[in-house]
Amino acid sequence: MKITDIELKESGNCETGGLVHSRETLGEFMADLNDNEKQTLGQVNLSLIICGILPIDESNYPEVRQIPYYHETFNDLNDVIERL
């Protein structure tokens, strides 16, 4: 599994936004972000939170523990995606 294949979950904390469809992936979400909004997982998580989607972390998405280089993504998401 790649980090971009993670199926996102709504947080229920936002009246607007949320998932585009029930099986929206992180990759689909990131396709709508500007380049400067997706350089780090921290930036992507901020966008997810603003949209009422749970941020990517081990408590919300336990499957990330199985993703190679997951712990390196917080600082440089683009580099990790390119390696996979």
PDB file of N, CA and C in Angstrom:
ATOM      1  N   MET A   1       0.837  -1.184   0.000  1.00  0.00           N
ATOM      2  CA  MET A   1       0.000   0.000   0.000  1.00  0.00           C
ATOM      3  C   MET A   1       0.879   1.243   0.000  1.00  0.00           C
ATOM      4  N   LYS A   2       0.470   2.220  -0.778  1.00  0.00           N
ATOM      5  CA  LYS A   2       1.123   3.520  -0.791  1.00  0.00           C
ATOM      6  C   LYS A   2       0.329   4.474   0.091  1.00  0.00           C
ATOM      7  N   ILE A   3       0.987   5.473   0.602  1.00  0.00           N
ATOM      8  CA  ILE A   3       0.299   6.443   1.454  1.00  0.00           C
ATOM      9  C   ILE A   3      -0.827   7.126   0.692  1.00  0.00           C
ATOM     10  N   THR A   4      -0.677   7.317  -0.603  1.00  0.00           N
ATOM     11  CA  THR A   4      -1.714   7.980  -1.389  1.00  0.00           C
ATOM     12  C   THR A   4      -2.946   7.101  -1.583  1.00  0.00           C
ATOM     13  N   ASP A   5      -2.861   5.802  -1.258  1.00  0.00           N
ATOM     14  CA  ASP A   5      -4.000   4.888  -1.392  1.00  0.00           C
ATOM     15  C   ASP A   5      -4.893   4.850  -0.156  1.00  0.00           C
ATOM     16  N   ILE A   6      -4.524   5.532   0.902  1.00  0.00           N
ATOM     17  CA  ILE A   6      -5.317   5.536   2.129  1.00  0.00           C
ATOM     18  C   ILE A   6      -6.694   6.127   1.840  1.00  0.00           C
ATOM     19  N   GLU A   7      -7.743   5.422   2.274  1.00  0.00           N
ATOM     20  CA  GLU A   7      -9.103   5.935   2.143  1.00  0.00           C
ATOM     21  C   GLU A   7      -9.389   6.852   3.324  1.00  0.00           C
ATOM     22  N   LEU A   8      -9.774   8.068   3.014  1.00  0.00           N
ATOM     23  CA  LEU A   8      -9.965   9.107   4.026  1.00  0.00           C
ATOM     24  C   LEU A   8     -11.265   8.910   4.803  1.00  0.00           C
ATOM     25  N   LYS A   9     -11.297   9.500   6.006  1.00  0.00           N
ATOM     26  CA  LYS A   9     -12.460   9.409   6.894  1.00  0.00           C
ATOM     27  C   LYS A   9     -12.860  10.816   7.326  1.00  0.00           C
ATOM     28  N   GLU A  10     -14.143  11.096   7.304  1.00  0.00           N
ATOM     29  CA  GLU A  10     -14.627  12.400   7.756  1.00  0.00           C
ATOM     30  C   GLU A  10     -14.513  12.507   9.270  1.00  0.00           C
ATOM     31  N   SER A  11     -14.237  13.712   9.731  1.00  0.00           N
ATOM     32  CA  SER A  11     -14.112  13.932  11.173  1.00  0.00           C
ATOM     33  C   SER A  11     -15.444  14.288  11.811  1.00  0.00           C
ATOM     34  N   GLY A  12     -16.357  14.801  11.023  1.00  0.00           N
ATOM     35  CA  GLY A  12     -17.632  15.238  11.574  1.00  0.00           C
ATOM     36  C   GLY A  12     -17.554  16.591  12.252  1.00  0.00           C
ATOM     37  N   ASN A  13     -16.402  17.272  12.138  1.00  0.00           N
ATOM     38  CA  ASN A  13     -16.211  18.562  12.797  1.00  0.00           C
ATOM     39  C   ASN A  13     -16.319  19.754  11.867  1.00  0.00           C
ATOM     40  N   CYS A  14     -16.904  19.563  10.692  1.00  0.00           N
ATOM     41  CA  CYS A  14     -16.950  20.659   9.730  1.00  0.00           C
ATOM     42  C   CYS A  14     -18.306  20.631   9.029  1.00  0.00           C
ATOM     43  N   GLU A  15     -18.958  21.786   8.956  1.00  0.00           N
ATOM     44  CA  GLU A  15     -20.257  21.851   8.301  1.00  0.00           C
ATOM     45  C   GLU A  15     -20.133  21.877   6.787  1.00  0.00           C
ATOM     46  N   THR A  16     -18.982  22.283   6.277  1.00  0.00           N
ATOM     47  CA  THR A  16     -18.767  22.307   4.830  1.00  0.00           C
ATOM     48  C   THR A  16     -17.583  21.411   4.502  1.00  0.00           C
ATOM     49  N   GLY A  17     -17.467  21.051   3.273  1.00  0.00           N
ATOM     50  CA  GLY A  17     -16.347  20.216   2.857  1.00  0.00           C
ATOM     51  C   GLY A  17     -16.635  18.757   3.101  1.00  0.00           C
ATOM     52  N   GLY A  18     -15.651  18.047   3.570  1.00  0.00           N
ATOM     53  CA  GLY A  18     -15.783  16.612   3.764  1.00  0.00           C
ATOM     54  C   GLY A  18     -15.322  15.857   2.539  1.00  0.00           C
ATOM     55  N   LEU A  19     -15.633  14.594   2.511  1.00  0.00           N
ATOM     56  CA  LEU A  19     -15.206  13.739   1.409  1.00  0.00           C
ATOM     57  C   LEU A  19     -15.991  14.043   0.140  1.00  0.00           C
ATOM     58  N   VAL A  20     -15.326  13.904  -1.002  1.00  0.00           N
ATOM     59  CA  VAL A  20     -15.988  14.080  -2.290  1.00  0.00           C
ATOM     60  C   VAL A  20     -16.879  12.875  -2.564  1.00  0.00           C
ATOM     61  N   HIS A  21     -16.379  11.676  -2.212  1.00  0.00           N
ATOM     62  CA  HIS A  21     -17.155  10.446  -2.323  1.00  0.00           C
ATOM     63  C   HIS A  21     -16.705   9.502  -1.217  1.00  0.00           C
ATOM     64  N   SER A  22     -17.441   8.440  -0.990  1.00  0.00           N
ATOM     65  CA  SER A  22     -17.236   7.596   0.193  1.00  0.00           C
ATOM     66  C   SER A  22     -15.897   6.876   0.238  1.00  0.00           C
ATOM     67  N   ARG A  23     -15.223   6.693  -0.880  1.00  0.00           N
ATOM     68  CA  ARG A  23     -13.938   5.992  -0.882  1.00  0.00           C
ATOM     69  C   ARG A  23     -12.799   6.894  -1.371  1.00  0.00           C
ATOM     70  N   GLU A  24     -12.928   8.186  -1.122  1.00  0.00           N
ATOM     71  CA  GLU A  24     -11.902   9.136  -1.562  1.00  0.00           C
ATOM     72  C   GLU A  24     -10.560   8.790  -0.917  1.00  0.00           C
ATOM     73  N   THR A  25      -9.514   8.808  -1.722  1.00  0.00           N
ATOM     74  CA  THR A  25      -8.175   8.496  -1.225  1.00  0.00           C
ATOM     75  C   THR A  25      -7.385   9.776  -0.971  1.00  0.00           C
ATOM     76  N   LEU A  26      -6.298   9.603  -0.235  1.00  0.00           N
ATOM     77  CA  LEU A  26      -5.408  10.730   0.002  1.00  0.00           C
ATOM     78  C   LEU A  26      -4.869  11.265  -1.321  1.00  0.00           C
ATOM     79  N   GLY A  27      -4.552  10.379  -2.254  1.00  0.00           N
ATOM     80  CA  GLY A  27      -4.052  10.812  -3.565  1.00  0.00           C
ATOM     81  C   GLY A  27      -5.049  11.679  -4.305  1.00  0.00           C
ATOM     82  N   GLU A  28      -6.324  11.308  -4.259  1.00  0.00           N
ATOM     83  CA  GLU A  28      -7.366  12.115  -4.907  1.00  0.00           C
ATOM     84  C   GLU A  28      -7.469  13.478  -4.236  1.00  0.00           C
ATOM     85  N   PHE A  29      -7.429  13.486  -2.918  1.00  0.00           N
ATOM     86  CA  PHE A  29      -7.496  14.743  -2.173  1.00  0.00           C
ATOM     87  C   PHE A  29      -6.311  15.636  -2.540  1.00  0.00           C
ATOM     88  N   MET A  30      -5.127  15.051  -2.581  1.00  0.00           N
ATOM     89  CA  MET A  30      -3.917  15.825  -2.863  1.00  0.00           C
ATOM     90  C   MET A  30      -3.905  16.375  -4.281  1.00  0.00           C
ATOM     91  N   ALA A  31      -4.594  15.729  -5.209  1.00  0.00           N
ATOM     92  CA  ALA A  31      -4.636  16.210  -6.593  1.00  0.00           C
ATOM     93  C   ALA A  31      -5.288  17.587  -6.685  1.00  0.00           C
ATOM     94  N   ASP A  32      -6.129  17.913  -5.713  1.00  0.00           N
ATOM     95  CA  ASP A  32      -6.798  19.211  -5.710  1.00  0.00           C
ATOM     96  C   ASP A  32      -6.026  20.290  -4.953  1.00  0.00           C
ATOM     97  N   LEU A  33      -4.902  19.930  -4.339  1.00  0.00           N
ATOM     98  CA  LEU A  33      -4.097  20.902  -3.601  1.00  0.00           C
ATOM     99  C   LEU A  33      -3.067  21.557  -4.509  1.00  0.00           C
ATOM    100  N   ASN A  34      -2.667  22.766  -4.160  1.00  0.00           N
ATOM    101  CA  ASN A  34      -1.563  23.421  -4.857  1.00  0.00           C
ATOM    102  C   ASN A  34      -0.262  22.748  -4.449  1.00  0.00           C
ATOM    103  N   ASP A  35       0.773  22.880  -5.271  1.00  0.00           N
ATOM    104  CA  ASP A  35       2.063  22.253  -4.971  1.00  0.00           C
ATOM    105  C   ASP A  35       2.595  22.653  -3.602  1.00  0.00           C
ATOM    106  N   ASN A  36       2.435  23.915  -3.233  1.00  0.00           N
ATOM    107  CA  ASN A  36       2.964  24.368  -1.941  1.00  0.00           C
ATOM    108  C   ASN A  36       2.137  23.871  -0.754  1.00  0.00           C
ATOM    109  N   GLU A  37       0.983  23.255  -0.997  1.00  0.00           N
ATOM    110  CA  GLU A  37       0.140  22.738   0.078  1.00  0.00           C
ATOM    111  C   GLU A  37       0.370  21.246   0.337  1.00  0.00           C
ATOM    112  N   LYS A  38       1.235  20.636  -0.471  1.00  0.00           N
ATOM    113  CA  LYS A  38       1.420  19.188  -0.324  1.00  0.00           C
ATOM    114  C   LYS A  38       2.881  18.758  -0.288  1.00  0.00           C
ATOM    115  N   GLN A  39       3.742  19.633   0.207  1.00  0.00           N
ATOM    116  CA  GLN A  39       5.153  19.287   0.301  1.00  0.00           C
ATOM    117  C   GLN A  39       5.445  18.443   1.531  1.00  0.00           C
ATOM    118  N   THR A  40       4.666  18.619   2.582  1.00  0.00           N
ATOM    119  CA  THR A  40       4.861  17.834   3.804  1.00  0.00           C
ATOM    120  C   THR A  40       3.523  17.260   4.254  1.00  0.00           C
ATOM    121  N   LEU A  41       3.576  16.195   5.016  1.00  0.00           N
ATOM    122  CA  LEU A  41       2.357  15.615   5.554  1.00  0.00           C
ATOM    123  C   LEU A  41       1.683  16.592   6.504  1.00  0.00           C
ATOM    124  N   GLY A  42       2.451  17.399   7.200  1.00  0.00           N
ATOM    125  CA  GLY A  42       1.880  18.417   8.076  1.00  0.00           C
ATOM    126  C   GLY A  42       0.998  19.391   7.310  1.00  0.00           C
ATOM    127  N   GLN A  43       1.449  19.810   6.129  1.00  0.00           N
ATOM    128  CA  GLN A  43       0.653  20.721   5.301  1.00  0.00           C
ATOM    129  C   GLN A  43      -0.616  20.038   4.801  1.00  0.00           C
ATOM    130  N   VAL A  44      -0.485  18.794   4.366  1.00  0.00           N
ATOM    131  CA  VAL A  44      -1.645  18.046   3.879  1.00  0.00           C
ATOM    132  C   VAL A  44      -2.636  17.834   5.021  1.00  0.00           C
ATOM    133  N   ASN A  45      -2.138  17.482   6.198  1.00  0.00           N
ATOM    134  CA  ASN A  45      -3.020  17.275   7.341  1.00  0.00           C
ATOM    135  C   ASN A  45      -3.796  18.543   7.689  1.00  0.00           C
ATOM    136  N   LEU A  46      -3.159  19.695   7.594  1.00  0.00           N
ATOM    137  CA  LEU A  46      -3.851  20.956   7.851  1.00  0.00           C
ATOM    138  C   LEU A  46      -5.012  21.130   6.866  1.00  0.00           C
ATOM    139  N   SER A  47      -4.772  20.838   5.604  1.00  0.00           N
ATOM    140  CA  SER A  47      -5.831  20.935   4.593  1.00  0.00           C
ATOM    141  C   SER A  47      -6.949  19.936   4.877  1.00  0.00           C
ATOM    142  N   LEU A  48      -6.582  18.725   5.296  1.00  0.00           N
ATOM    143  CA  LEU A  48      -7.585  17.717   5.633  1.00  0.00           C
ATOM    144  C   LEU A  48      -8.466  18.206   6.779  1.00  0.00           C
ATOM    145  N   ILE A  49      -7.851  18.733   7.825  1.00  0.00           N
ATOM    146  CA  ILE A  49      -8.586  19.208   8.999  1.00  0.00           C
ATOM    147  C   ILE A  49      -9.538  20.329   8.611  1.00  0.00           C
ATOM    148  N   ILE A  50      -9.066  21.266   7.808  1.00  0.00           N
ATOM    149  CA  ILE A  50      -9.899  22.392   7.358  1.00  0.00           C
ATOM    150  C   ILE A  50     -11.128  21.888   6.605  1.00  0.00           C
ATOM    151  N   CYS A  51     -10.958  20.775   5.879  1.00  0.00           N
ATOM    152  CA  CYS A  51     -12.051  20.200   5.087  1.00  0.00           C
ATOM    153  C   CYS A  51     -12.919  19.219   5.871  1.00  0.00           C
ATOM    154  N   GLY A  52     -12.666  19.063   7.153  1.00  0.00           N
ATOM    155  CA  GLY A  52     -13.476  18.168   7.959  1.00  0.00           C
ATOM    156  C   GLY A  52     -13.132  16.703   7.787  1.00  0.00           C
ATOM    157  N   ILE A  53     -11.876  16.433   7.449  1.00  0.00           N
ATOM    158  CA  ILE A  53     -11.387  15.060   7.252  1.00  0.00           C
ATOM    159  C   ILE A  53     -10.320  14.783   8.302  1.00  0.00           C
ATOM    160  N   LEU A  54     -10.323  13.562   8.833  1.00  0.00           N
ATOM    161  CA  LEU A  54      -9.328  13.205   9.846  1.00  0.00           C
ATOM    162  C   LEU A  54      -7.920  13.275   9.269  1.00  0.00           C
ATOM    163  N   PRO A  55      -6.972  13.868  10.013  1.00  0.00           N
ATOM    164  CA  PRO A  55      -5.581  13.941   9.534  1.00  0.00           C
ATOM    165  C   PRO A  55      -4.939  12.561   9.514  1.00  0.00           C
ATOM    166  N   ILE A  56      -3.913  12.417   8.699  1.00  0.00           N
ATOM    167  CA  ILE A  56      -3.195  11.153   8.574  1.00  0.00           C
ATOM    168  C   ILE A  56      -2.258  10.995   9.767  1.00  0.00           C
ATOM    169  N   ASP A  57      -2.569  10.025  10.609  1.00  0.00           N
ATOM    170  CA  ASP A  57      -1.693   9.630  11.707  1.00  0.00           C
ATOM    171  C   ASP A  57      -2.050   8.201  12.110  1.00  0.00           C
ATOM    172  N   GLU A  58      -1.257   7.636  12.995  1.00  0.00           N
ATOM    173  CA  GLU A  58      -1.437   6.226  13.348  1.00  0.00           C
ATOM    174  C   GLU A  58      -2.715   5.954  14.126  1.00  0.00           C
ATOM    175  N   SER A  59      -3.248   6.940  14.820  1.00  0.00           N
ATOM    176  CA  SER A  59      -4.488   6.689  15.566  1.00  0.00           C
ATOM    177  C   SER A  59      -5.713   6.727  14.656  1.00  0.00           C
ATOM    178  N   ASN A  60      -5.720   7.600  13.654  1.00  0.00           N
ATOM    179  CA  ASN A  60      -6.851   7.686  12.729  1.00  0.00           C
ATOM    180  C   ASN A  60      -6.789   6.634  11.628  1.00  0.00           C
ATOM    181  N   TYR A  61      -5.589   6.281  11.210  1.00  0.00           N
ATOM    182  CA  TYR A  61      -5.376   5.352  10.103  1.00  0.00           C
ATOM    183  C   TYR A  61      -4.279   4.367  10.498  1.00  0.00           C
ATOM    184  N   PRO A  62      -4.591   3.339  11.289  1.00  0.00           N
ATOM    185  CA  PRO A  62      -3.568   2.399  11.766  1.00  0.00           C
ATOM    186  C   PRO A  62      -2.779   1.730  10.650  1.00  0.00           C
ATOM    187  N   GLU A  63      -3.352   1.662   9.465  1.00  0.00           N
ATOM    188  CA  GLU A  63      -2.671   1.018   8.339  1.00  0.00           C
ATOM    189  C   GLU A  63      -1.397   1.746   7.911  1.00  0.00           C
ATOM    190  N   VAL A  64      -1.202   2.992   8.335  1.00  0.00           N
ATOM    191  CA  VAL A  64       0.016   3.712   7.940  1.00  0.00           C
ATOM    192  C   VAL A  64       1.269   3.057   8.512  1.00  0.00           C
ATOM    193  N   ARG A  65       1.100   2.277   9.574  1.00  0.00           N
ATOM    194  CA  ARG A  65       2.264   1.590  10.154  1.00  0.00           C
ATOM    195  C   ARG A  65       2.903   0.620   9.159  1.00  0.00           C
ATOM    196  N   GLN A  66       2.129   0.170   8.182  1.00  0.00           N
ATOM    197  CA  GLN A  66       2.613  -0.791   7.189  1.00  0.00           C
ATOM    198  C   GLN A  66       3.221  -0.118   5.955  1.00  0.00           C
ATOM    199  N   ILE A  67       3.195   1.198   5.906  1.00  0.00           N
ATOM    200  CA  ILE A  67       3.666   1.923   4.726  1.00  0.00           C
ATOM    201  C   ILE A  67       5.149   2.239   4.868  1.00  0.00           C
ATOM    202  N   PRO A  68       5.954   1.821   3.873  1.00  0.00           N
ATOM    203  CA  PRO A  68       7.387   2.138   3.930  1.00  0.00           C
ATOM    204  C   PRO A  68       7.610   3.652   3.990  1.00  0.00           C
ATOM    205  N   TYR A  69       8.553   4.058   4.774  1.00  0.00           N
ATOM    206  CA  TYR A  69       8.964   5.460   4.909  1.00  0.00           C
ATOM    207  C   TYR A  69       7.911   6.348   5.562  1.00  0.00           C
ATOM    208  N   TYR A  70       6.858   5.791   6.147  1.00  0.00           N
ATOM    209  CA  TYR A  70       5.793   6.622   6.707  1.00  0.00           C
ATOM    210  C   TYR A  70       6.342   7.686   7.659  1.00  0.00           C
ATOM    211  N   HIS A  71       7.242   7.317   8.538  1.00  0.00           N
ATOM    212  CA  HIS A  71       7.717   8.278   9.541  1.00  0.00           C
ATOM    213  C   HIS A  71       8.557   9.401   8.934  1.00  0.00           C
ATOM    214  N   GLU A  72       8.994   9.248   7.698  1.00  0.00           N
ATOM    215  CA  GLU A  72       9.741  10.313   7.030  1.00  0.00           C
ATOM    216  C   GLU A  72       8.820  11.289   6.308  1.00  0.00           C
ATOM    217  N   THR A  73       7.539  10.950   6.137  1.00  0.00           N
ATOM    218  CA  THR A  73       6.648  11.772   5.326  1.00  0.00           C
ATOM    219  C   THR A  73       6.303  13.107   5.948  1.00  0.00           C
ATOM    220  N   PHE A  74       6.412  13.230   7.254  1.00  0.00           N
ATOM    221  CA  PHE A  74       6.003  14.485   7.868  1.00  0.00           C
ATOM    222  C   PHE A  74       6.847  15.648   7.358  1.00  0.00           C
ATOM    223  N   ASN A  75       8.115  15.405   7.080  1.00  0.00           N
ATOM    224  CA  ASN A  75       8.997  16.481   6.625  1.00  0.00           C
ATOM    225  C   ASN A  75       9.078  16.623   5.118  1.00  0.00           C
ATOM    226  N   ASP A  76       8.944  15.532   4.381  1.00  0.00           N
ATOM    227  CA  ASP A  76       9.080  15.629   2.928  1.00  0.00           C
ATOM    228  C   ASP A  76       8.218  14.585   2.247  1.00  0.00           C
ATOM    229  N   LEU A  77       6.957  14.885   2.086  1.00  0.00           N
ATOM    230  CA  LEU A  77       6.000  13.957   1.504  1.00  0.00           C
ATOM    231  C   LEU A  77       6.315  13.661   0.043  1.00  0.00           C
ATOM    232  N   ASN A  78       6.688  14.663  -0.727  1.00  0.00           N
ATOM    233  CA  ASN A  78       6.973  14.456  -2.155  1.00  0.00           C
ATOM    234  C   ASN A  78       8.108  13.475  -2.367  1.00  0.00           C
ATOM    235  N   ASP A  79       9.160  13.562  -1.577  1.00  0.00           N
ATOM    236  CA  ASP A  79      10.298  12.661  -1.705  1.00  0.00           C
ATOM    237  C   ASP A  79       9.889  11.212  -1.419  1.00  0.00           C
ATOM    238  N   VAL A  80       9.068  11.010  -0.427  1.00  0.00           N
ATOM    239  CA  VAL A  80       8.627   9.663  -0.079  1.00  0.00           C
ATOM    240  C   VAL A  80       7.741   9.088  -1.178  1.00  0.00           C
ATOM    241  N   ILE A  81       6.821   9.862  -1.703  1.00  0.00           N
ATOM    242  CA  ILE A  81       5.935   9.391  -2.777  1.00  0.00           C
ATOM    243  C   ILE A  81       6.751   8.993  -3.995  1.00  0.00           C
ATOM    244  N   GLU A  82       7.770   9.762  -4.337  1.00  0.00           N
ATOM    245  CA  GLU A  82       8.605   9.455  -5.499  1.00  0.00           C
ATOM    246  C   GLU A  82       9.391   8.165  -5.316  1.00  0.00           C
ATOM    247  N   ARG A  83       9.757   7.811  -4.066  1.00  0.00           N
ATOM    248  CA  ARG A  83      10.527   6.581  -3.817  1.00  0.00           C
ATOM    249  C   ARG A  83       9.677   5.327  -3.946  1.00  0.00           C
ATOM    250  N   LEU A  84       8.371   5.446  -3.809  1.00  0.00           N
ATOM    251  CA  LEU A  84       7.495   4.257  -3.838  1.00  0.00           C
ATOM    252  C   LEU A  84       7.046   3.938  -5.251  1.00  0.00           C
TER     253      LEU A  84
END
